[in-house]
Amino acid sequence: MFGRFNKDKTQGLESLANAPVGAPVVVENIRGVVRGSLVMQEAGDIWIEHQIENQEGRRFWVSIENFDRTEATLWEDIEVFDIQGGPSDNRVTYKGQSFKREEAGSAAFTAKGDVDMFESGSVDYVDFSSESGDRLGFERFGAEGAHRRSRAITGNCPNCGAPISVDTMGRCTSCSSEVMADHGWWGSWEVAYGRNVTDSARLQ
């Protein structure tokens, strides 16, 4: 079982953190299922990152952490080039909002389900937070130079060029190909914007 949660407000998050692949979940009134998970470990600390697929076939990540406070965060991939600053800086800016460097480290991960990852490996991370509580997270997986691919959720189909629209199997509705897109390189920094969904994330 993951974590030792305070029983007053976080029992729902404990259940979500321990959810198996295929479990139905709700995040901000979005219904979906857990397609895969990363179990992160560093110096005795453990946290979970679930990849969730909604009813339209779009995927997003939700992390559940239980350190100084217990919280769930929904993460949205953004382009590194949209950030002013980088993982080595004390402050970075995104869309006019300033984020202060909070922590950095290197964790071991174990992958479960369909997350387009190695079964295990390592990830470097740098976390930033704003005064409003929003977060920016930089991650760098594994050895440098190996390409990484994941399911496209926005933009155009990389196979036929049509606007992204997928069926229940994650295939393009225009050309029926599996909608996969380049998603960085192993060993290069990727960045995501996170917002707190502690009060709206639970098992369905």
C-alpha atoms as a PDB file:
ATOM      1  CA  MET A   1       0.000   0.000   0.000  1.00  0.00           C
ATOM      2  CA  PHE A   2       1.205   3.485  -0.823  1.00  0.00           C
ATOM      3  CA  GLY A   3       1.701   6.117   1.818  1.00  0.00           C
ATOM      4  CA  ARG A   4       0.529   6.799   5.345  1.00  0.00           C
ATOM      5  CA  PHE A   5      -2.313   9.270   5.023  1.00  0.00           C
ATOM      6  CA  ASN A   6      -4.060  11.432   7.575  1.00  0.00           C
ATOM      7  CA  LYS A   7      -7.512   9.974   7.925  1.00  0.00           C
ATOM      8  CA  ASP A   8      -9.445  13.230   8.136  1.00  0.00           C
ATOM      9  CA  LYS A   9      -9.398  14.459   4.544  1.00  0.00           C
ATOM     10  CA  THR A  10      -7.186  12.148   2.525  1.00  0.00           C
ATOM     11  CA  GLN A  11      -8.730   8.687   2.548  1.00  0.00           C
ATOM     12  CA  GLY A  12      -9.930   9.285  -1.023  1.00  0.00           C
ATOM     13  CA  LEU A  13      -6.410  10.122  -2.116  1.00  0.00           C
ATOM     14  CA  GLU A  14      -5.073   6.996  -0.447  1.00  0.00           C
ATOM     15  CA  SER A  15      -7.486   4.897  -2.506  1.00  0.00           C
ATOM     16  CA  LEU A  16      -6.561   6.796  -5.654  1.00  0.00           C
ATOM     17  CA  ALA A  17      -2.830   6.375  -5.013  1.00  0.00           C
ATOM     18  CA  ASN A  18      -3.294   2.621  -4.646  1.00  0.00           C
ATOM     19  CA  ALA A  19      -5.606   2.315  -7.667  1.00  0.00           C
ATOM     20  CA  PRO A  20      -4.665  -0.529 -10.040  1.00  0.00           C
ATOM     21  CA  VAL A  21      -4.368  -0.221 -13.807  1.00  0.00           C
ATOM     22  CA  GLY A  22      -7.885  -0.110 -15.274  1.00  0.00           C
ATOM     23  CA  ALA A  23      -9.490   1.530 -12.233  1.00  0.00           C
ATOM     24  CA  PRO A  24     -12.168   4.159 -13.015  1.00  0.00           C
ATOM     25  CA  VAL A  25     -11.374   7.620 -11.643  1.00  0.00           C
ATOM     26  CA  VAL A  26     -12.771  11.149 -11.599  1.00  0.00           C
ATOM     27  CA  VAL A  27     -10.581  14.265 -11.742  1.00  0.00           C
ATOM     28  CA  GLU A  28     -12.278  17.689 -11.862  1.00  0.00           C
ATOM     29  CA  ASN A  29     -15.492  15.945 -13.004  1.00  0.00           C
ATOM     30  CA  ILE A  30     -13.563  14.282 -15.852  1.00  0.00           C
ATOM     31  CA  ARG A  31     -14.215  10.547 -15.869  1.00  0.00           C
ATOM     32  CA  GLY A  32     -11.474   8.212 -16.994  1.00  0.00           C
ATOM     33  CA  VAL A  33      -9.462   5.088 -16.244  1.00  0.00           C
ATOM     34  CA  VAL A  34      -5.913   4.523 -15.050  1.00  0.00           C
ATOM     35  CA  ARG A  35      -3.930   3.310 -18.081  1.00  0.00           C
ATOM     36  CA  GLY A  36      -0.613   3.059 -16.278  1.00  0.00           C
ATOM     37  CA  SER A  37       1.374   4.280 -13.311  1.00  0.00           C
ATOM     38  CA  LEU A  38       4.868   5.256 -12.266  1.00  0.00           C
ATOM     39  CA  VAL A  39       5.909   4.423  -8.711  1.00  0.00           C
ATOM     40  CA  MET A  40       8.665   6.853  -7.743  1.00  0.00           C
ATOM     41  CA  GLN A  41      11.114   6.260  -4.900  1.00  0.00           C
ATOM     42  CA  GLU A  42      13.843   8.446  -3.470  1.00  0.00           C
ATOM     43  CA  ALA A  43      15.605   8.036  -0.109  1.00  0.00           C
ATOM     44  CA  GLY A  44      12.633   6.199   1.408  1.00  0.00           C
ATOM     45  CA  ASP A  45      10.006   8.573   0.008  1.00  0.00           C
ATOM     46  CA  ILE A  46       7.420   7.148  -2.394  1.00  0.00           C
ATOM     47  CA  TRP A  47       4.980   8.950  -4.663  1.00  0.00           C
ATOM     48  CA  ILE A  48       2.684   7.881  -7.478  1.00  0.00           C
ATOM     49  CA  GLU A  49       2.044   9.264 -10.950  1.00  0.00           C
ATOM     50  CA  HIS A  50      -1.009   7.844 -12.747  1.00  0.00           C
ATOM     51  CA  GLN A  51      -1.589   8.256 -16.468  1.00  0.00           C
ATOM     52  CA  ILE A  52      -5.339   8.620 -16.931  1.00  0.00           C
ATOM     53  CA  GLU A  53      -7.321   8.346 -20.151  1.00  0.00           C
ATOM     54  CA  ASN A  54     -10.652  10.148 -20.361  1.00  0.00           C
ATOM     55  CA  GLN A  55     -13.723   9.081 -22.305  1.00  0.00           C
ATOM     56  CA  GLU A  56     -12.525  10.905 -25.437  1.00  0.00           C
ATOM     57  CA  GLY A  57      -9.205   9.051 -25.442  1.00  0.00           C
ATOM     58  CA  ARG A  58      -7.117  11.950 -24.159  1.00  0.00           C
ATOM     59  CA  ARG A  59      -4.436  11.177 -21.601  1.00  0.00           C
ATOM     60  CA  PHE A  60      -3.048  13.219 -18.729  1.00  0.00           C
ATOM     61  CA  TRP A  61      -0.982  12.636 -15.593  1.00  0.00           C
ATOM     62  CA  VAL A  62      -2.030  12.977 -11.957  1.00  0.00           C
ATOM     63  CA  SER A  63       0.527  12.673  -9.161  1.00  0.00           C
ATOM     64  CA  ILE A  64      -0.293  11.851  -5.544  1.00  0.00           C
ATOM     65  CA  GLU A  65       2.237  12.894  -2.914  1.00  0.00           C
ATOM     66  CA  ASN A  66       2.185  12.480   0.865  1.00  0.00           C
ATOM     67  CA  PHE A  67       5.073  14.460   2.313  1.00  0.00           C
ATOM     68  CA  ASP A  68       4.660  17.669   4.348  1.00  0.00           C
ATOM     69  CA  ARG A  69       1.132  17.771   2.970  1.00  0.00           C
ATOM     70  CA  THR A  70      -0.987  15.368   0.974  1.00  0.00           C
ATOM     71  CA  GLU A  71      -1.994  16.543  -2.463  1.00  0.00           C
ATOM     72  CA  ALA A  72      -2.948  15.468  -5.957  1.00  0.00           C
ATOM     73  CA  THR A  73      -1.690  17.452  -8.938  1.00  0.00           C
ATOM     74  CA  LEU A  74      -2.908  17.341 -12.536  1.00  0.00           C
ATOM     75  CA  TRP A  75      -0.033  17.876 -14.984  1.00  0.00           C
ATOM     76  CA  GLU A  76      -0.191  19.356 -18.485  1.00  0.00           C
ATOM     77  CA  ASP A  77       2.801  19.003 -20.817  1.00  0.00           C
ATOM     78  CA  ILE A  78       4.156  22.313 -22.094  1.00  0.00           C
ATOM     79  CA  GLU A  79       7.043  23.274 -24.342  1.00  0.00           C
ATOM     80  CA  VAL A  80      10.392  23.996 -22.711  1.00  0.00           C
ATOM     81  CA  PHE A  81      10.695  26.980 -25.053  1.00  0.00           C
ATOM     82  CA  ASP A  82       7.600  28.561 -23.465  1.00  0.00           C
ATOM     83  CA  ILE A  83       9.479  28.879 -20.162  1.00  0.00           C
ATOM     84  CA  GLN A  84      11.723  31.821 -19.337  1.00  0.00           C
ATOM     85  CA  GLY A  85      14.521  30.164 -17.391  1.00  0.00           C
ATOM     86  CA  GLY A  86      15.354  26.517 -16.859  1.00  0.00           C
ATOM     87  CA  PRO A  87      15.937  23.742 -14.321  1.00  0.00           C
ATOM     88  CA  SER A  88      19.233  25.217 -13.112  1.00  0.00           C
ATOM     89  CA  ASP A  89      17.677  28.611 -12.251  1.00  0.00           C
ATOM     90  CA  ASN A  90      16.238  29.745  -8.913  1.00  0.00           C
ATOM     91  CA  ARG A  91      13.198  31.267 -10.607  1.00  0.00           C
ATOM     92  CA  VAL A  92      11.426  30.675 -13.912  1.00  0.00           C
ATOM     93  CA  THR A  93       8.494  32.415 -15.610  1.00  0.00           C
ATOM     94  CA  TYR A  94       5.557  30.901 -17.494  1.00  0.00           C
ATOM     95  CA  LYS A  95       2.758  33.011 -19.002  1.00  0.00           C
ATOM     96  CA  GLY A  96       3.788  35.965 -16.856  1.00  0.00           C
ATOM     97  CA  GLN A  97       3.687  33.956 -13.620  1.00  0.00           C
ATOM     98  CA  SER A  98       6.843  33.586 -11.516  1.00  0.00           C
ATOM     99  CA  PHE A  99       7.794  30.192 -10.074  1.00  0.00           C
ATOM    100  CA  LYS A 100      10.384  29.662  -7.328  1.00  0.00           C
ATOM    101  CA  ARG A 101      12.651  26.620  -7.239  1.00  0.00           C
ATOM    102  CA  GLU A 102      11.522  24.288  -4.438  1.00  0.00           C
ATOM    103  CA  GLU A 103      13.411  21.010  -4.700  1.00  0.00           C
ATOM    104  CA  ALA A 104      15.468  18.809  -6.982  1.00  0.00           C
ATOM    105  CA  GLY A 105      16.644  15.230  -6.922  1.00  0.00           C
ATOM    106  CA  SER A 106      16.863  11.909  -8.692  1.00  0.00           C
ATOM    107  CA  ALA A 107      14.324   9.119  -8.169  1.00  0.00           C
ATOM    108  CA  ALA A 108      14.047   5.510  -9.258  1.00  0.00           C
ATOM    109  CA  PHE A 109      10.818   4.566 -11.015  1.00  0.00           C
ATOM    110  CA  THR A 110       8.897   1.381 -11.738  1.00  0.00           C
ATOM    111  CA  ALA A 111       6.311   1.490 -14.520  1.00  0.00           C
ATOM    112  CA  LYS A 112       3.001  -0.380 -14.580  1.00  0.00           C
ATOM    113  CA  GLY A 113       0.533  -0.652 -17.436  1.00  0.00           C
ATOM    114  CA  ASP A 114       0.612   1.332 -20.683  1.00  0.00           C
ATOM    115  CA  VAL A 115       2.788   4.405 -20.125  1.00  0.00           C
ATOM    116  CA  ASP A 116       5.299   4.005 -22.985  1.00  0.00           C
ATOM    117  CA  MET A 117       8.196   3.780 -20.537  1.00  0.00           C
ATOM    118  CA  PHE A 118      10.908   1.327 -19.676  1.00  0.00           C
ATOM    119  CA  GLU A 119       9.780  -1.046 -16.910  1.00  0.00           C
ATOM    120  CA  SER A 120      12.195   0.654 -14.529  1.00  0.00           C
ATOM    121  CA  GLY A 121      14.810   3.370 -14.587  1.00  0.00           C
ATOM    122  CA  SER A 122      15.717   6.737 -13.129  1.00  0.00           C
ATOM    123  CA  VAL A 123      14.426  10.266 -13.464  1.00  0.00           C
ATOM    124  CA  ASP A 124      16.004  13.588 -12.501  1.00  0.00           C
ATOM    125  CA  TYR A 125      13.485  16.205 -11.420  1.00  0.00           C
ATOM    126  CA  VAL A 126      13.340  19.886 -10.481  1.00  0.00           C
ATOM    127  CA  ASP A 127      10.144  21.337  -9.001  1.00  0.00           C
ATOM    128  CA  PHE A 128       9.084  24.985  -8.957  1.00  0.00           C
ATOM    129  CA  SER A 129       6.007  26.568  -7.372  1.00  0.00           C
ATOM    130  CA  SER A 130       4.226  29.923  -7.578  1.00  0.00           C
ATOM    131  CA  GLU A 131       2.625  31.980  -4.824  1.00  0.00           C
ATOM    132  CA  SER A 132      -0.777  30.785  -6.070  1.00  0.00           C
ATOM    133  CA  GLY A 133       0.234  27.143  -5.549  1.00  0.00           C
ATOM    134  CA  ASP A 134       0.614  26.267  -9.232  1.00  0.00           C
ATOM    135  CA  ARG A 135       3.652  24.176 -10.099  1.00  0.00           C
ATOM    136  CA  LEU A 136       6.184  23.616 -12.856  1.00  0.00           C
ATOM    137  CA  GLY A 137       8.013  20.306 -12.968  1.00  0.00           C
ATOM    138  CA  PHE A 138      11.101  19.504 -15.023  1.00  0.00           C
ATOM    139  CA  GLU A 139      11.878  15.806 -15.605  1.00  0.00           C
ATOM    140  CA  ARG A 140      14.723  14.057 -17.400  1.00  0.00           C
ATOM    141  CA  PHE A 141      14.397  10.298 -17.885  1.00  0.00           C
ATOM    142  CA  GLY A 142      17.180   7.768 -18.329  1.00  0.00           C
ATOM    143  CA  ALA A 143      20.135   7.761 -20.680  1.00  0.00           C
ATOM    144  CA  GLU A 144      20.653  10.573 -23.168  1.00  0.00           C
ATOM    145  CA  GLY A 145      19.837  10.161 -26.845  1.00  0.00           C
ATOM    146  CA  ALA A 146      17.131   7.466 -27.007  1.00  0.00           C
ATOM    147  CA  HIS A 147      13.877   8.764 -28.489  1.00  0.00           C
ATOM    148  CA  ARG A 148      10.648   8.655 -26.488  1.00  0.00           C
ATOM    149  CA  ARG A 149       7.149   8.580 -27.937  1.00  0.00           C
ATOM    150  CA  SER A 150       3.721   8.927 -26.381  1.00  0.00           C
ATOM    151  CA  ARG A 151       0.093   9.339 -27.402  1.00  0.00           C
ATOM    152  CA  ALA A 152      -0.733  12.726 -28.952  1.00  0.00           C
ATOM    153  CA  ILE A 153      -3.587  14.565 -27.251  1.00  0.00           C
ATOM    154  CA  THR A 154      -3.613  17.952 -28.996  1.00  0.00           C
ATOM    155  CA  GLY A 155      -2.697  19.426 -32.365  1.00  0.00           C
ATOM    156  CA  ASN A 156      -2.755  17.454 -35.609  1.00  0.00           C
ATOM    157  CA  CYS A 157      -2.437  13.734 -36.267  1.00  0.00           C
ATOM    158  CA  PRO A 158       1.263  13.039 -36.963  1.00  0.00           C
ATOM    159  CA  ASN A 159       0.243  10.466 -39.597  1.00  0.00           C
ATOM    160  CA  CYS A 160      -2.423  12.212 -41.733  1.00  0.00           C
ATOM    161  CA  GLY A 161      -2.342  15.818 -40.514  1.00  0.00           C
ATOM    162  CA  ALA A 162      -6.009  16.012 -39.502  1.00  0.00           C
ATOM    163  CA  PRO A 163      -6.942  17.750 -36.218  1.00  0.00           C
ATOM    164  CA  ILE A 164      -6.571  15.308 -33.327  1.00  0.00           C
ATOM    165  CA  SER A 165      -9.738  13.288 -32.783  1.00  0.00           C
ATOM    166  CA  VAL A 166      -9.440   9.754 -31.479  1.00  0.00           C
ATOM    167  CA  ASP A 167     -11.798   6.842 -31.063  1.00  0.00           C
ATOM    168  CA  THR A 168     -12.158   4.734 -27.921  1.00  0.00           C
ATOM    169  CA  MET A 169      -9.080   2.710 -28.938  1.00  0.00           C
ATOM    170  CA  GLY A 170      -6.900   5.799 -29.222  1.00  0.00           C
ATOM    171  CA  ARG A 171      -6.844   5.727 -33.038  1.00  0.00           C
ATOM    172  CA  CYS A 172      -7.228   8.716 -35.357  1.00  0.00           C
ATOM    173  CA  THR A 173     -10.824   8.969 -36.592  1.00  0.00           C
ATOM    174  CA  SER A 174      -9.559  10.156 -39.995  1.00  0.00           C
ATOM    175  CA  CYS A 175      -6.883   7.570 -40.834  1.00  0.00           C
ATOM    176  CA  SER A 176      -7.366   4.885 -38.108  1.00  0.00           C
ATOM    177  CA  SER A 177      -3.678   4.979 -37.187  1.00  0.00           C
ATOM    178  CA  GLU A 178      -2.551   4.929 -33.572  1.00  0.00           C
ATOM    179  CA  VAL A 179      -1.990   8.555 -32.681  1.00  0.00           C
ATOM    180  CA  MET A 180       1.572   8.654 -31.401  1.00  0.00           C
ATOM    181  CA  ALA A 181       3.762  11.739 -31.348  1.00  0.00           C
ATOM    182  CA  ASP A 182       7.322  12.560 -30.480  1.00  0.00           C
ATOM    183  CA  HIS A 183       7.578  13.484 -26.819  1.00  0.00           C
ATOM    184  CA  GLY A 184      11.148  14.483 -26.117  1.00  0.00           C
ATOM    185  CA  TRP A 185      14.270  12.385 -25.862  1.00  0.00           C
ATOM    186  CA  TRP A 186      15.475  10.197 -23.068  1.00  0.00           C
ATOM    187  CA  GLY A 187      18.049  12.303 -21.275  1.00  0.00           C
ATOM    188  CA  SER A 188      16.573  15.708 -22.233  1.00  0.00           C
ATOM    189  CA  TRP A 189      14.484  17.923 -19.964  1.00  0.00           C
ATOM    190  CA  GLU A 190      10.700  17.876 -20.314  1.00  0.00           C
ATOM    191  CA  VAL A 191       8.449  20.290 -18.450  1.00  0.00           C
ATOM    192  CA  ALA A 192       4.851  20.195 -17.236  1.00  0.00           C
ATOM    193  CA  TYR A 193       2.501  22.687 -15.618  1.00  0.00           C
ATOM    194  CA  GLY A 194       0.640  21.414 -12.559  1.00  0.00           C
ATOM    195  CA  ARG A 195      -2.449  22.527 -10.700  1.00  0.00           C
ATOM    196  CA  ASN A 196      -3.842  21.229  -7.439  1.00  0.00           C
ATOM    197  CA  VAL A 197      -6.767  18.778  -7.773  1.00  0.00           C
ATOM    198  CA  THR A 198      -6.661  17.418  -4.224  1.00  0.00           C
ATOM    199  CA  ASP A 199     -10.350  18.127  -3.613  1.00  0.00           C
ATOM    200  CA  SER A 200     -11.574  16.791  -6.958  1.00  0.00           C
ATOM    201  CA  ALA A 201      -9.569  13.594  -7.591  1.00  0.00           C
ATOM    202  CA  ARG A 202     -10.967  10.249  -6.460  1.00  0.00           C
ATOM    203  CA  LEU A 203     -11.861   6.749  -7.496  1.00  0.00           C
ATOM    204  CA  GLN A 204     -15.172   6.618  -9.345  1.00  0.00           C
END
